[in-house]
Amino acid sequence: MNLLYFAWLRQKIGKGEETMALPDGVASVADLIAHLKSLGPGYADAFAEDGRVRVAVNQKHSGLDAKVAADDEIAFFPPVTGG
C-alpha cells in the first residue's frame, strides 16, 4: 500500500510518502492507524487524536471504518478549512 501524509502529519512523521506491505490483522483505516501509532513516537504523535485526521482511500474521502487492501493508496491529512 502507498501511504501519503500531508501538512503537520508529514512534519511529525518526517516523510510525505511511504510504501508498506499490508500488516497482518489490518483490515480498516482504524486498524492501520493503530498499527502506524506503534511504529514510533512521530507516528504516535501524528495520530494521537484520530478525530483530527482525515483520510482518503484511493482518492475518495473515507471514514475510519473504511476497508483497506494491499494495493490501496491511503492519504492522511488535517481537516480542510476554507474562507
N, C-alpha and C. Protein backbone atom coordinates (compact mmCIF):
# COMPACT_ATOMS: atom_id res chain seq x y z
N MET A 1 0.84 -1.17 0.00
CA MET A 1 0.00 0.00 0.00
C MET A 1 0.88 1.23 0.00
N ASN A 2 0.37 2.27 -0.58
CA ASN A 2 1.09 3.54 -0.64
C ASN A 2 0.42 4.51 0.33
N LEU A 3 1.20 5.03 1.28
CA LEU A 3 0.67 5.95 2.28
C LEU A 3 1.20 7.35 2.01
N LEU A 4 0.30 8.33 2.07
CA LEU A 4 0.66 9.73 1.86
C LEU A 4 0.31 10.52 3.11
N TYR A 5 1.21 11.42 3.51
CA TYR A 5 0.99 12.25 4.69
C TYR A 5 1.11 13.71 4.28
N PHE A 6 0.16 14.54 4.72
CA PHE A 6 0.16 15.95 4.34
C PHE A 6 0.21 16.86 5.57
N ALA A 7 0.70 18.07 5.35
CA ALA A 7 0.74 19.16 6.35
C ALA A 7 1.46 18.71 7.62
N TRP A 8 0.86 18.95 8.79
CA TRP A 8 1.56 18.66 10.04
C TRP A 8 1.77 17.17 10.27
N LEU A 9 0.99 16.32 9.62
CA LEU A 9 1.24 14.88 9.73
C LEU A 9 2.60 14.54 9.12
N ARG A 10 2.89 15.14 7.97
CA ARG A 10 4.18 14.93 7.31
C ARG A 10 5.31 15.42 8.21
N GLN A 11 5.12 16.56 8.84
CA GLN A 11 6.16 17.11 9.72
C GLN A 11 6.42 16.21 10.91
N LYS A 12 5.38 15.69 11.53
CA LYS A 12 5.55 14.85 12.72
C LYS A 12 6.15 13.50 12.37
N ILE A 13 5.74 12.93 11.24
CA ILE A 13 6.22 11.61 10.85
C ILE A 13 7.61 11.71 10.21
N GLY A 14 7.88 12.82 9.55
CA GLY A 14 9.19 13.02 8.95
C GLY A 14 9.30 12.59 7.50
N LYS A 15 8.17 12.27 6.89
CA LYS A 15 8.16 11.93 5.46
C LYS A 15 6.78 12.16 4.90
N GLY A 16 6.72 12.39 3.61
CA GLY A 16 5.45 12.67 2.96
C GLY A 16 4.81 11.46 2.33
N GLU A 17 5.60 10.39 2.17
CA GLU A 17 5.08 9.21 1.48
C GLU A 17 5.89 8.00 1.88
N GLU A 18 5.24 6.86 1.93
CA GLU A 18 5.95 5.60 2.13
C GLU A 18 5.11 4.46 1.59
N THR A 19 5.79 3.39 1.26
CA THR A 19 5.14 2.18 0.79
C THR A 19 5.38 1.10 1.83
N MET A 20 4.31 0.37 2.16
CA MET A 20 4.46 -0.74 3.09
C MET A 20 3.52 -1.86 2.71
N ALA A 21 3.89 -3.07 3.10
CA ALA A 21 3.01 -4.21 2.90
C ALA A 21 1.86 -4.10 3.88
N LEU A 22 0.71 -4.60 3.50
CA LEU A 22 -0.44 -4.59 4.38
C LEU A 22 -0.11 -5.43 5.61
N PRO A 23 -0.07 -4.80 6.79
CA PRO A 23 0.28 -5.55 8.00
C PRO A 23 -0.79 -6.59 8.35
N ASP A 24 -0.37 -7.70 8.94
CA ASP A 24 -1.31 -8.72 9.40
C ASP A 24 -2.32 -8.11 10.35
N GLY A 25 -3.57 -8.48 10.19
CA GLY A 25 -4.62 -8.01 11.09
C GLY A 25 -5.17 -6.64 10.77
N VAL A 26 -4.64 -5.99 9.74
CA VAL A 26 -5.13 -4.66 9.36
C VAL A 26 -6.16 -4.81 8.24
N ALA A 27 -7.41 -4.44 8.56
CA ALA A 27 -8.49 -4.54 7.58
C ALA A 27 -9.18 -3.22 7.32
N SER A 28 -8.98 -2.24 8.22
CA SER A 28 -9.66 -0.95 8.09
C SER A 28 -8.67 0.19 8.32
N VAL A 29 -9.12 1.39 8.03
CA VAL A 29 -8.30 2.57 8.30
C VAL A 29 -7.97 2.65 9.78
N ALA A 30 -8.95 2.38 10.65
CA ALA A 30 -8.70 2.41 12.09
C ALA A 30 -7.61 1.42 12.50
N ASP A 31 -7.65 0.22 11.92
CA ASP A 31 -6.61 -0.78 12.19
C ASP A 31 -5.25 -0.27 11.73
N LEU A 32 -5.22 0.36 10.56
CA LEU A 32 -3.97 0.89 10.02
C LEU A 32 -3.41 1.98 10.92
N ILE A 33 -4.26 2.88 11.39
CA ILE A 33 -3.79 3.94 12.28
C ILE A 33 -3.23 3.34 13.56
N ALA A 34 -3.89 2.33 14.12
CA ALA A 34 -3.38 1.67 15.33
C ALA A 34 -1.99 1.08 15.06
N HIS A 35 -1.81 0.48 13.89
CA HIS A 35 -0.50 -0.07 13.53
C HIS A 35 0.53 1.04 13.38
N LEU A 36 0.17 2.11 12.69
CA LEU A 36 1.11 3.20 12.48
C LEU A 36 1.55 3.82 13.80
N LYS A 37 0.64 3.95 14.76
CA LYS A 37 0.99 4.51 16.06
C LYS A 37 2.09 3.71 16.74
N SER A 38 2.15 2.41 16.45
CA SER A 38 3.15 1.54 17.08
C SER A 38 4.53 1.65 16.44
N LEU A 39 4.66 2.40 15.36
CA LEU A 39 5.93 2.47 14.63
C LEU A 39 6.92 3.47 15.20
N GLY A 40 6.51 4.27 16.15
CA GLY A 40 7.44 5.21 16.76
C GLY A 40 6.76 6.46 17.24
N PRO A 41 7.52 7.30 17.95
CA PRO A 41 6.93 8.50 18.55
C PRO A 41 6.37 9.50 17.55
N GLY A 42 6.99 9.65 16.39
CA GLY A 42 6.47 10.59 15.38
C GLY A 42 5.10 10.17 14.90
N TYR A 43 4.94 8.88 14.62
CA TYR A 43 3.64 8.36 14.20
C TYR A 43 2.62 8.49 15.33
N ALA A 44 3.03 8.11 16.55
CA ALA A 44 2.13 8.18 17.69
C ALA A 44 1.63 9.61 17.90
N ASP A 45 2.54 10.57 17.76
CA ASP A 45 2.16 11.97 17.92
C ASP A 45 1.22 12.42 16.80
N ALA A 46 1.53 12.03 15.57
CA ALA A 46 0.71 12.44 14.42
C ALA A 46 -0.72 11.92 14.53
N PHE A 47 -0.87 10.71 15.05
CA PHE A 47 -2.20 10.09 15.12
C PHE A 47 -2.76 10.06 16.54
N ALA A 48 -2.24 10.92 17.41
CA ALA A 48 -2.69 10.94 18.81
C ALA A 48 -4.18 11.24 18.94
N GLU A 49 -4.69 12.07 18.07
CA GLU A 49 -6.12 12.41 18.11
C GLU A 49 -6.74 12.01 16.77
N ASP A 50 -7.29 10.80 16.72
CA ASP A 50 -7.85 10.29 15.47
C ASP A 50 -8.88 11.24 14.86
N GLY A 51 -9.62 11.96 15.68
CA GLY A 51 -10.65 12.86 15.19
C GLY A 51 -10.11 14.06 14.43
N ARG A 52 -8.82 14.33 14.58
CA ARG A 52 -8.22 15.48 13.87
C ARG A 52 -7.65 15.08 12.52
N VAL A 53 -7.69 13.82 12.19
CA VAL A 53 -7.09 13.33 10.95
C VAL A 53 -8.19 12.92 9.97
N ARG A 54 -8.07 13.39 8.75
CA ARG A 54 -8.97 12.98 7.67
C ARG A 54 -8.23 11.97 6.80
N VAL A 55 -8.99 11.16 6.09
CA VAL A 55 -8.36 10.11 5.28
C VAL A 55 -9.09 9.98 3.95
N ALA A 56 -8.31 9.62 2.95
CA ALA A 56 -8.86 9.28 1.63
C ALA A 56 -8.26 7.94 1.22
N VAL A 57 -9.12 7.03 0.82
CA VAL A 57 -8.68 5.73 0.31
C VAL A 57 -8.92 5.75 -1.19
N ASN A 58 -7.84 5.59 -1.94
CA ASN A 58 -7.91 5.65 -3.40
C ASN A 58 -8.58 6.93 -3.88
N GLN A 59 -8.19 8.05 -3.25
CA GLN A 59 -8.63 9.40 -3.59
C GLN A 59 -10.11 9.65 -3.34
N LYS A 60 -10.71 8.86 -2.45
CA LYS A 60 -12.11 9.07 -2.05
C LYS A 60 -12.14 9.26 -0.54
N HIS A 61 -12.72 10.41 -0.11
CA HIS A 61 -12.82 10.66 1.33
C HIS A 61 -13.50 9.47 2.00
N SER A 62 -12.90 9.02 3.11
CA SER A 62 -13.38 7.82 3.77
C SER A 62 -13.37 8.01 5.28
N GLY A 63 -14.06 7.13 5.97
CA GLY A 63 -14.08 7.15 7.42
C GLY A 63 -13.10 6.13 7.98
N LEU A 64 -12.99 6.10 9.29
CA LEU A 64 -12.07 5.18 9.95
C LEU A 64 -12.49 3.72 9.77
N ASP A 65 -13.75 3.49 9.42
CA ASP A 65 -14.22 2.13 9.23
C ASP A 65 -14.02 1.62 7.79
N ALA A 66 -13.47 2.46 6.91
CA ALA A 66 -13.25 2.06 5.52
C ALA A 66 -12.26 0.90 5.45
N LYS A 67 -12.56 -0.05 4.58
CA LYS A 67 -11.69 -1.20 4.38
C LYS A 67 -10.44 -0.79 3.60
N VAL A 68 -9.32 -1.44 3.88
CA VAL A 68 -8.09 -1.18 3.15
C VAL A 68 -7.56 -2.49 2.59
N ALA A 69 -6.86 -2.39 1.45
CA ALA A 69 -6.28 -3.55 0.79
C ALA A 69 -4.83 -3.25 0.43
N ALA A 70 -4.11 -4.29 0.08
CA ALA A 70 -2.68 -4.18 -0.17
C ALA A 70 -2.32 -3.20 -1.28
N ASP A 71 -3.17 -3.02 -2.27
CA ASP A 71 -2.84 -2.15 -3.40
C ASP A 71 -3.47 -0.77 -3.30
N ASP A 72 -3.99 -0.41 -2.13
CA ASP A 72 -4.63 0.90 -1.95
C ASP A 72 -3.64 2.04 -1.77
N GLU A 73 -4.09 3.23 -2.14
CA GLU A 73 -3.40 4.47 -1.79
C GLU A 73 -4.21 5.11 -0.67
N ILE A 74 -3.55 5.39 0.43
CA ILE A 74 -4.23 5.94 1.60
C ILE A 74 -3.54 7.24 1.97
N ALA A 75 -4.31 8.31 1.94
CA ALA A 75 -3.78 9.65 2.25
C ALA A 75 -4.35 10.12 3.57
N PHE A 76 -3.47 10.68 4.41
CA PHE A 76 -3.86 11.24 5.69
C PHE A 76 -3.58 12.73 5.65
N PHE A 77 -4.55 13.54 6.10
CA PHE A 77 -4.40 14.98 6.05
C PHE A 77 -5.24 15.63 7.16
N PRO A 78 -4.93 16.87 7.53
CA PRO A 78 -5.73 17.57 8.53
C PRO A 78 -7.05 18.03 7.93
N PRO A 79 -7.99 18.39 8.80
CA PRO A 79 -9.25 18.94 8.28
C PRO A 79 -8.97 20.16 7.40
N VAL A 80 -9.72 20.29 6.34
CA VAL A 80 -9.55 21.39 5.42
C VAL A 80 -10.56 22.48 5.77
N THR A 81 -10.07 23.69 5.85
CA THR A 81 -10.98 24.82 6.11
C THR A 81 -10.90 25.78 4.93
N GLY A 82 -11.95 26.46 4.72
CA GLY A 82 -11.97 27.43 3.61
C GLY A 82 -12.46 28.77 4.10
N GLY A 83 -12.40 29.73 3.22
CA GLY A 83 -12.85 31.02 3.69
C GLY A 83 -13.17 31.95 2.62
